[in-house]
Structures are given as C-alpha cells and as structure tokens.
Amino acid sequence: MTGLSGSGKTAEISDMLKRFNASVVSMPGGQNAKFERCVLEAKGSWKDLDRKTLHALGHAISAGLDVDGNLLKGDFLHRLTTAGAFRCGLVIDMVVDAVALAVARKDGRFERPDFVVA
C-alpha cells in the first residue's frame, strides 16, 4: 500500500485485521481463522511481499485448510495484488472473502475458484 505519510494506511489495515480476527470464523479443523499482521520494510520488493504472503498462507495451512499449491506461487500473488489495484486493504478483503467461501464449503480446501467467486 502506498500513500502520503499520515494518510491512514496503517490504521486502515490494522482496523480491518482487528475486525476480521474478532469475527471468530471457524475453520474445518475447529480452530478460529486469524490473519497475522504483515509489515513490509519501506525498501521491500515484490519478493518481500511474496515471502510475507507465503508465511501468512502457512498459517492457513496449519489451521486445517488444504491450500492449492498454485496459490503459493509468485504469478498468482502478483495477479492477486494487481486485481486489488496494489492496495493491501482490497487484497486483504479479497483473501478474507475467499477464505470465508472455502470455510463455508466445509471440504477443507482453499483453491483459485474461491477467489473468482469472492
């Protein structure tokens, strides 16, 4: 996410993560879904974003969702951020909606079609 200093970027993302984590969405394994905070350094690159995103997806895997391996690749992550107009808040919204759809299906899988529907 980019913007002028003091424009509310950090507050927007922090609030969104806090609201999701408070919503108590149950995963197929019975654990609560939770988004981890991911702070990129100002000098970060796409590789840094990909690495941090993969780390966050690792939490979804440990929570019981079987994550499609294609969602862990740089091409998908770049397409996802492009679809979100490079705004982290929109990307987070898309991921939250896609995870919610995967959880509602109750088959324990998290796949690309979850993002299409979201």
N, C-alpha and C. Protein backbone atom coordinates (compact mmCIF):
# COMPACT_ATOMS: atom_id res chain seq x y z
N MET A 1 0.86 -1.15 0.00
CA MET A 1 0.00 0.00 0.00
C MET A 1 0.91 1.22 0.00
N THR A 2 0.57 2.16 -0.82
CA THR A 2 1.34 3.40 -0.85
C THR A 2 0.43 4.58 -0.58
N GLY A 3 1.01 5.66 -0.13
CA GLY A 3 0.26 6.87 0.14
C GLY A 3 1.12 7.83 0.94
N LEU A 4 0.62 9.02 1.07
CA LEU A 4 1.35 10.03 1.83
C LEU A 4 1.45 9.64 3.29
N SER A 5 2.53 10.07 3.92
CA SER A 5 2.72 9.83 5.34
C SER A 5 1.56 10.45 6.11
N GLY A 6 1.01 9.69 7.04
CA GLY A 6 -0.08 10.20 7.86
C GLY A 6 -1.45 10.12 7.22
N SER A 7 -1.57 9.41 6.07
CA SER A 7 -2.87 9.35 5.38
C SER A 7 -3.78 8.23 5.90
N GLY A 8 -3.29 7.43 6.85
CA GLY A 8 -4.15 6.43 7.47
C GLY A 8 -3.97 5.00 6.96
N LYS A 9 -2.89 4.73 6.24
CA LYS A 9 -2.67 3.38 5.70
C LYS A 9 -2.61 2.33 6.80
N THR A 10 -1.76 2.56 7.77
CA THR A 10 -1.57 1.59 8.85
C THR A 10 -2.85 1.43 9.66
N ALA A 11 -3.53 2.52 9.95
CA ALA A 11 -4.77 2.45 10.72
C ALA A 11 -5.84 1.66 9.97
N GLU A 12 -5.95 1.85 8.66
CA GLU A 12 -6.94 1.14 7.85
C GLU A 12 -6.70 -0.37 7.90
N ILE A 13 -5.46 -0.76 7.69
CA ILE A 13 -5.14 -2.19 7.68
C ILE A 13 -5.29 -2.78 9.07
N SER A 14 -4.81 -2.09 10.08
CA SER A 14 -4.92 -2.60 11.45
C SER A 14 -6.37 -2.79 11.85
N ASP A 15 -7.23 -1.85 11.50
CA ASP A 15 -8.65 -1.95 11.82
C ASP A 15 -9.29 -3.13 11.09
N MET A 16 -8.95 -3.31 9.82
CA MET A 16 -9.51 -4.41 9.05
C MET A 16 -9.11 -5.76 9.64
N LEU A 17 -7.83 -5.90 10.00
CA LEU A 17 -7.36 -7.15 10.59
C LEU A 17 -8.02 -7.40 11.95
N LYS A 18 -8.17 -6.34 12.74
CA LYS A 18 -8.80 -6.47 14.05
C LYS A 18 -10.26 -6.93 13.92
N ARG A 19 -10.99 -6.34 12.95
CA ARG A 19 -12.40 -6.72 12.76
C ARG A 19 -12.52 -8.17 12.31
N PHE A 20 -11.65 -8.60 11.38
CA PHE A 20 -11.71 -10.00 10.93
C PHE A 20 -11.39 -10.95 12.07
N ASN A 21 -10.31 -10.68 12.79
CA ASN A 21 -9.92 -11.57 13.88
C ASN A 21 -10.98 -11.64 14.97
N ALA A 22 -11.75 -10.57 15.17
CA ALA A 22 -12.82 -10.55 16.16
C ALA A 22 -14.07 -11.28 15.68
N SER A 23 -14.17 -11.54 14.37
CA SER A 23 -15.38 -12.15 13.81
C SER A 23 -15.51 -13.64 14.13
N VAL A 24 -14.47 -14.28 14.58
CA VAL A 24 -14.46 -15.67 15.00
C VAL A 24 -15.05 -16.59 13.93
N VAL A 25 -14.33 -16.72 12.83
CA VAL A 25 -14.71 -17.64 11.75
C VAL A 25 -14.04 -18.98 12.05
N SER A 26 -14.84 -20.04 12.13
CA SER A 26 -14.30 -21.37 12.43
C SER A 26 -13.79 -22.05 11.17
N MET A 27 -12.61 -22.64 11.28
CA MET A 27 -12.01 -23.41 10.19
C MET A 27 -12.53 -24.84 10.26
N PRO A 28 -12.38 -25.62 9.16
CA PRO A 28 -12.86 -27.01 9.18
C PRO A 28 -12.30 -27.83 10.34
N GLY A 29 -11.07 -27.54 10.77
CA GLY A 29 -10.47 -28.29 11.86
C GLY A 29 -10.93 -27.83 13.24
N GLY A 30 -11.84 -26.84 13.30
CA GLY A 30 -12.35 -26.35 14.57
C GLY A 30 -11.62 -25.15 15.12
N GLN A 31 -10.46 -24.82 14.56
CA GLN A 31 -9.72 -23.66 15.02
C GLN A 31 -10.32 -22.39 14.42
N ASN A 32 -10.09 -21.26 15.06
CA ASN A 32 -10.57 -19.99 14.53
C ASN A 32 -9.62 -19.46 13.48
N ALA A 33 -10.17 -18.94 12.37
CA ALA A 33 -9.36 -18.31 11.33
C ALA A 33 -8.81 -17.01 11.88
N LYS A 34 -7.59 -16.69 11.51
CA LYS A 34 -6.96 -15.48 12.01
C LYS A 34 -5.96 -14.97 10.98
N PHE A 35 -5.97 -13.67 10.75
CA PHE A 35 -4.96 -13.06 9.88
C PHE A 35 -3.85 -12.51 10.74
N GLU A 36 -2.64 -12.80 10.32
CA GLU A 36 -1.47 -12.28 11.00
C GLU A 36 -1.12 -10.93 10.40
N ARG A 37 -0.52 -10.07 11.18
CA ARG A 37 -0.09 -8.77 10.67
C ARG A 37 1.20 -8.96 9.92
N CYS A 38 1.32 -8.29 8.79
CA CYS A 38 2.48 -8.42 7.92
C CYS A 38 2.97 -7.01 7.59
N VAL A 39 4.11 -6.63 8.13
CA VAL A 39 4.65 -5.30 7.90
C VAL A 39 5.87 -5.41 7.00
N LEU A 40 5.81 -4.75 5.85
CA LEU A 40 6.93 -4.75 4.91
C LEU A 40 7.82 -3.55 5.18
N GLU A 41 9.10 -3.74 5.01
CA GLU A 41 10.02 -2.62 5.15
C GLU A 41 9.82 -1.69 3.96
N ALA A 42 10.10 -0.42 4.16
CA ALA A 42 9.95 0.57 3.09
C ALA A 42 10.78 0.21 1.88
N LYS A 43 11.91 -0.45 2.11
CA LYS A 43 12.77 -0.83 0.99
C LYS A 43 12.37 -2.18 0.40
N GLY A 44 11.24 -2.73 0.84
CA GLY A 44 10.79 -4.04 0.39
C GLY A 44 10.49 -4.08 -1.09
N SER A 45 10.44 -5.29 -1.61
CA SER A 45 10.19 -5.51 -3.02
C SER A 45 9.05 -6.52 -3.16
N TRP A 46 8.74 -6.89 -4.41
CA TRP A 46 7.73 -7.91 -4.64
C TRP A 46 8.14 -9.21 -3.99
N LYS A 47 9.45 -9.51 -3.99
CA LYS A 47 9.91 -10.74 -3.35
C LYS A 47 9.62 -10.70 -1.86
N ASP A 48 9.79 -9.53 -1.24
CA ASP A 48 9.50 -9.39 0.18
C ASP A 48 8.01 -9.60 0.43
N LEU A 49 7.15 -9.00 -0.41
CA LEU A 49 5.70 -9.18 -0.27
C LEU A 49 5.33 -10.65 -0.46
N ASP A 50 5.90 -11.30 -1.49
CA ASP A 50 5.60 -12.71 -1.73
C ASP A 50 6.01 -13.57 -0.54
N ARG A 51 7.19 -13.30 0.01
CA ARG A 51 7.68 -14.08 1.14
C ARG A 51 6.76 -13.92 2.34
N LYS A 52 6.35 -12.68 2.62
CA LYS A 52 5.47 -12.42 3.77
C LYS A 52 4.09 -13.05 3.54
N THR A 53 3.58 -12.99 2.29
CA THR A 53 2.28 -13.58 1.99
C THR A 53 2.33 -15.09 2.14
N LEU A 54 3.40 -15.71 1.64
CA LEU A 54 3.54 -17.16 1.79
C LEU A 54 3.59 -17.55 3.27
N HIS A 55 4.26 -16.75 4.07
CA HIS A 55 4.32 -17.01 5.51
C HIS A 55 2.91 -16.96 6.10
N ALA A 56 2.13 -15.96 5.71
CA ALA A 56 0.76 -15.83 6.21
C ALA A 56 -0.10 -16.99 5.74
N LEU A 57 0.07 -17.44 4.49
CA LEU A 57 -0.69 -18.59 4.00
C LEU A 57 -0.31 -19.86 4.76
N GLY A 58 0.90 -19.91 5.26
CA GLY A 58 1.31 -21.04 6.07
C GLY A 58 0.43 -21.20 7.29
N HIS A 59 -0.05 -20.08 7.84
CA HIS A 59 -0.96 -20.14 8.99
C HIS A 59 -2.28 -20.78 8.58
N ALA A 60 -2.75 -20.50 7.36
CA ALA A 60 -4.00 -21.12 6.89
C ALA A 60 -3.81 -22.64 6.75
N ILE A 61 -2.62 -23.03 6.28
CA ILE A 61 -2.35 -24.46 6.14
C ILE A 61 -2.37 -25.13 7.51
N SER A 62 -1.72 -24.51 8.49
CA SER A 62 -1.66 -25.11 9.82
C SER A 62 -3.02 -25.10 10.51
N ALA A 63 -3.95 -24.27 10.02
CA ALA A 63 -5.29 -24.21 10.61
C ALA A 63 -6.21 -25.26 10.02
N GLY A 64 -5.74 -26.04 9.08
CA GLY A 64 -6.55 -27.13 8.57
C GLY A 64 -7.02 -27.01 7.15
N LEU A 65 -6.78 -25.89 6.48
CA LEU A 65 -7.17 -25.78 5.08
C LEU A 65 -6.08 -26.37 4.19
N ASP A 66 -6.48 -27.12 3.20
CA ASP A 66 -5.55 -27.65 2.21
C ASP A 66 -5.44 -26.59 1.12
N VAL A 67 -4.35 -25.84 1.11
CA VAL A 67 -4.17 -24.72 0.19
C VAL A 67 -3.61 -25.23 -1.14
N ASP A 68 -4.30 -24.91 -2.23
CA ASP A 68 -3.85 -25.25 -3.57
C ASP A 68 -2.44 -24.69 -3.78
N GLY A 69 -1.51 -25.52 -4.20
CA GLY A 69 -0.13 -25.10 -4.39
C GLY A 69 0.03 -23.94 -5.35
N ASN A 70 -0.88 -23.78 -6.31
CA ASN A 70 -0.79 -22.67 -7.26
C ASN A 70 -1.02 -21.32 -6.58
N LEU A 71 -1.70 -21.32 -5.44
CA LEU A 71 -1.93 -20.06 -4.72
C LEU A 71 -0.66 -19.57 -4.02
N LEU A 72 0.33 -20.43 -3.93
CA LEU A 72 1.57 -20.09 -3.24
C LEU A 72 2.65 -19.60 -4.20
N LYS A 73 2.32 -19.51 -5.47
CA LYS A 73 3.32 -19.12 -6.47
C LYS A 73 3.27 -17.62 -6.75
N GLY A 74 4.42 -17.07 -7.13
CA GLY A 74 4.55 -15.64 -7.38
C GLY A 74 3.58 -15.12 -8.43
N ASP A 75 3.31 -15.92 -9.47
CA ASP A 75 2.40 -15.47 -10.52
C ASP A 75 1.01 -15.18 -9.96
N PHE A 76 0.48 -16.10 -9.14
CA PHE A 76 -0.84 -15.89 -8.56
C PHE A 76 -0.83 -14.69 -7.61
N LEU A 77 0.20 -14.60 -6.78
CA LEU A 77 0.28 -13.49 -5.83
C LEU A 77 0.34 -12.14 -6.55
N HIS A 78 1.07 -12.09 -7.66
CA HIS A 78 1.14 -10.84 -8.42
C HIS A 78 -0.22 -10.52 -9.06
N ARG A 79 -0.89 -11.53 -9.59
CA ARG A 79 -2.23 -11.32 -10.17
C ARG A 79 -3.22 -10.85 -9.11
N LEU A 80 -3.10 -11.42 -7.92
CA LEU A 80 -3.99 -11.03 -6.82
C LEU A 80 -3.78 -9.56 -6.44
N THR A 81 -2.53 -9.15 -6.30
CA THR A 81 -2.27 -7.76 -5.94
C THR A 81 -2.64 -6.81 -7.06
N THR A 82 -2.51 -7.25 -8.31
CA THR A 82 -2.94 -6.42 -9.45
C THR A 82 -4.46 -6.26 -9.42
N ALA A 83 -5.17 -7.36 -9.15
CA ALA A 83 -6.64 -7.29 -9.07
C ALA A 83 -7.08 -6.35 -7.96
N GLY A 84 -6.27 -6.24 -6.92
CA GLY A 84 -6.57 -5.34 -5.81
C GLY A 84 -6.01 -3.95 -6.01
N ALA A 85 -5.62 -3.63 -7.24
CA ALA A 85 -5.09 -2.31 -7.59
C ALA A 85 -3.91 -1.93 -6.68
N PHE A 86 -3.13 -2.95 -6.27
CA PHE A 86 -1.95 -2.75 -5.44
C PHE A 86 -2.28 -2.07 -4.10
N ARG A 87 -3.53 -2.21 -3.66
CA ARG A 87 -3.95 -1.67 -2.36
C ARG A 87 -4.13 -2.84 -1.41
N CYS A 88 -3.29 -2.89 -0.39
CA CYS A 88 -3.29 -4.02 0.54
C CYS A 88 -4.66 -4.25 1.16
N GLY A 89 -5.37 -3.19 1.48
CA GLY A 89 -6.69 -3.34 2.08
C GLY A 89 -7.65 -4.11 1.18
N LEU A 90 -7.64 -3.81 -0.11
CA LEU A 90 -8.50 -4.53 -1.05
C LEU A 90 -8.07 -5.99 -1.20
N VAL A 91 -6.76 -6.21 -1.24
CA VAL A 91 -6.25 -7.58 -1.35
C VAL A 91 -6.66 -8.38 -0.12
N ILE A 92 -6.54 -7.79 1.06
CA ILE A 92 -6.95 -8.46 2.29
C ILE A 92 -8.44 -8.79 2.23
N ASP A 93 -9.27 -7.85 1.77
CA ASP A 93 -10.71 -8.11 1.63
C ASP A 93 -10.97 -9.30 0.72
N MET A 94 -10.25 -9.36 -0.41
CA MET A 94 -10.44 -10.48 -1.34
C MET A 94 -10.04 -11.80 -0.70
N VAL A 95 -8.93 -11.80 0.03
CA VAL A 95 -8.47 -13.03 0.68
C VAL A 95 -9.47 -13.45 1.76
N VAL A 96 -9.95 -12.50 2.56
CA VAL A 96 -10.93 -12.81 3.61
C VAL A 96 -12.18 -13.43 2.99
N ASP A 97 -12.70 -12.83 1.92
CA ASP A 97 -13.89 -13.36 1.27
C ASP A 97 -13.65 -14.76 0.70
N ALA A 98 -12.48 -14.96 0.09
CA ALA A 98 -12.16 -16.27 -0.49
C ALA A 98 -12.02 -17.33 0.60
N VAL A 99 -11.38 -17.00 1.70
CA VAL A 99 -11.25 -17.95 2.81
C VAL A 99 -12.62 -18.27 3.38
N ALA A 100 -13.47 -17.26 3.53
CA ALA A 100 -14.82 -17.49 4.05
C ALA A 100 -15.60 -18.46 3.16
N LEU A 101 -15.46 -18.32 1.85
CA LEU A 101 -16.12 -19.25 0.92
C LEU A 101 -15.57 -20.66 1.08
N ALA A 102 -14.25 -20.77 1.22
CA ALA A 102 -13.64 -22.09 1.39
C ALA A 102 -14.12 -22.74 2.68
N VAL A 103 -14.21 -21.97 3.74
CA VAL A 103 -14.66 -22.49 5.03
C VAL A 103 -16.13 -22.91 4.94
N ALA A 104 -16.95 -22.11 4.25
CA ALA A 104 -18.38 -22.42 4.13
C ALA A 104 -18.62 -23.72 3.35
N ARG A 105 -17.72 -24.03 2.43
CA ARG A 105 -17.85 -25.27 1.65
C ARG A 105 -17.63 -26.50 2.51
N LYS A 106 -16.88 -26.36 3.58
CA LYS A 106 -16.63 -27.42 4.57
C LYS A 106 -15.93 -28.64 4.00
N ASP A 107 -15.18 -28.47 2.92
CA ASP A 107 -14.42 -29.60 2.40
C ASP A 107 -12.93 -29.47 2.72
N GLY A 108 -12.56 -28.38 3.40
CA GLY A 108 -11.19 -28.21 3.85
C GLY A 108 -10.21 -27.74 2.79
N ARG A 109 -10.70 -27.38 1.59
CA ARG A 109 -9.81 -26.95 0.50
C ARG A 109 -9.91 -25.44 0.30
N PHE A 110 -8.79 -24.86 -0.11
CA PHE A 110 -8.71 -23.43 -0.44
C PHE A 110 -8.09 -23.35 -1.83
N GLU A 111 -8.91 -22.94 -2.83
CA GLU A 111 -8.50 -23.02 -4.23
C GLU A 111 -8.75 -21.72 -4.97
N ARG A 112 -8.20 -21.63 -6.17
CA ARG A 112 -8.35 -20.44 -7.01
C ARG A 112 -9.81 -20.07 -7.25
N PRO A 113 -10.73 -21.03 -7.52
CA PRO A 113 -12.14 -20.64 -7.71
C PRO A 113 -12.75 -19.88 -6.54
N ASP A 114 -12.20 -20.06 -5.34
CA ASP A 114 -12.70 -19.29 -4.19
C ASP A 114 -12.47 -17.80 -4.41
N PHE A 115 -11.38 -17.44 -5.09
CA PHE A 115 -11.11 -16.05 -5.38
C PHE A 115 -12.01 -15.53 -6.52
N VAL A 116 -12.33 -16.41 -7.47
CA VAL A 116 -13.19 -16.00 -8.59
C VAL A 116 -14.57 -15.64 -8.07
N VAL A 117 -15.11 -16.46 -7.19
CA VAL A 117 -16.44 -16.22 -6.63
C VAL A 117 -16.43 -15.00 -5.71
N ALA A 118 -15.33 -14.87 -4.93
CA ALA A 118 -15.24 -13.75 -3.99
C ALA A 118 -15.19 -12.45 -4.76
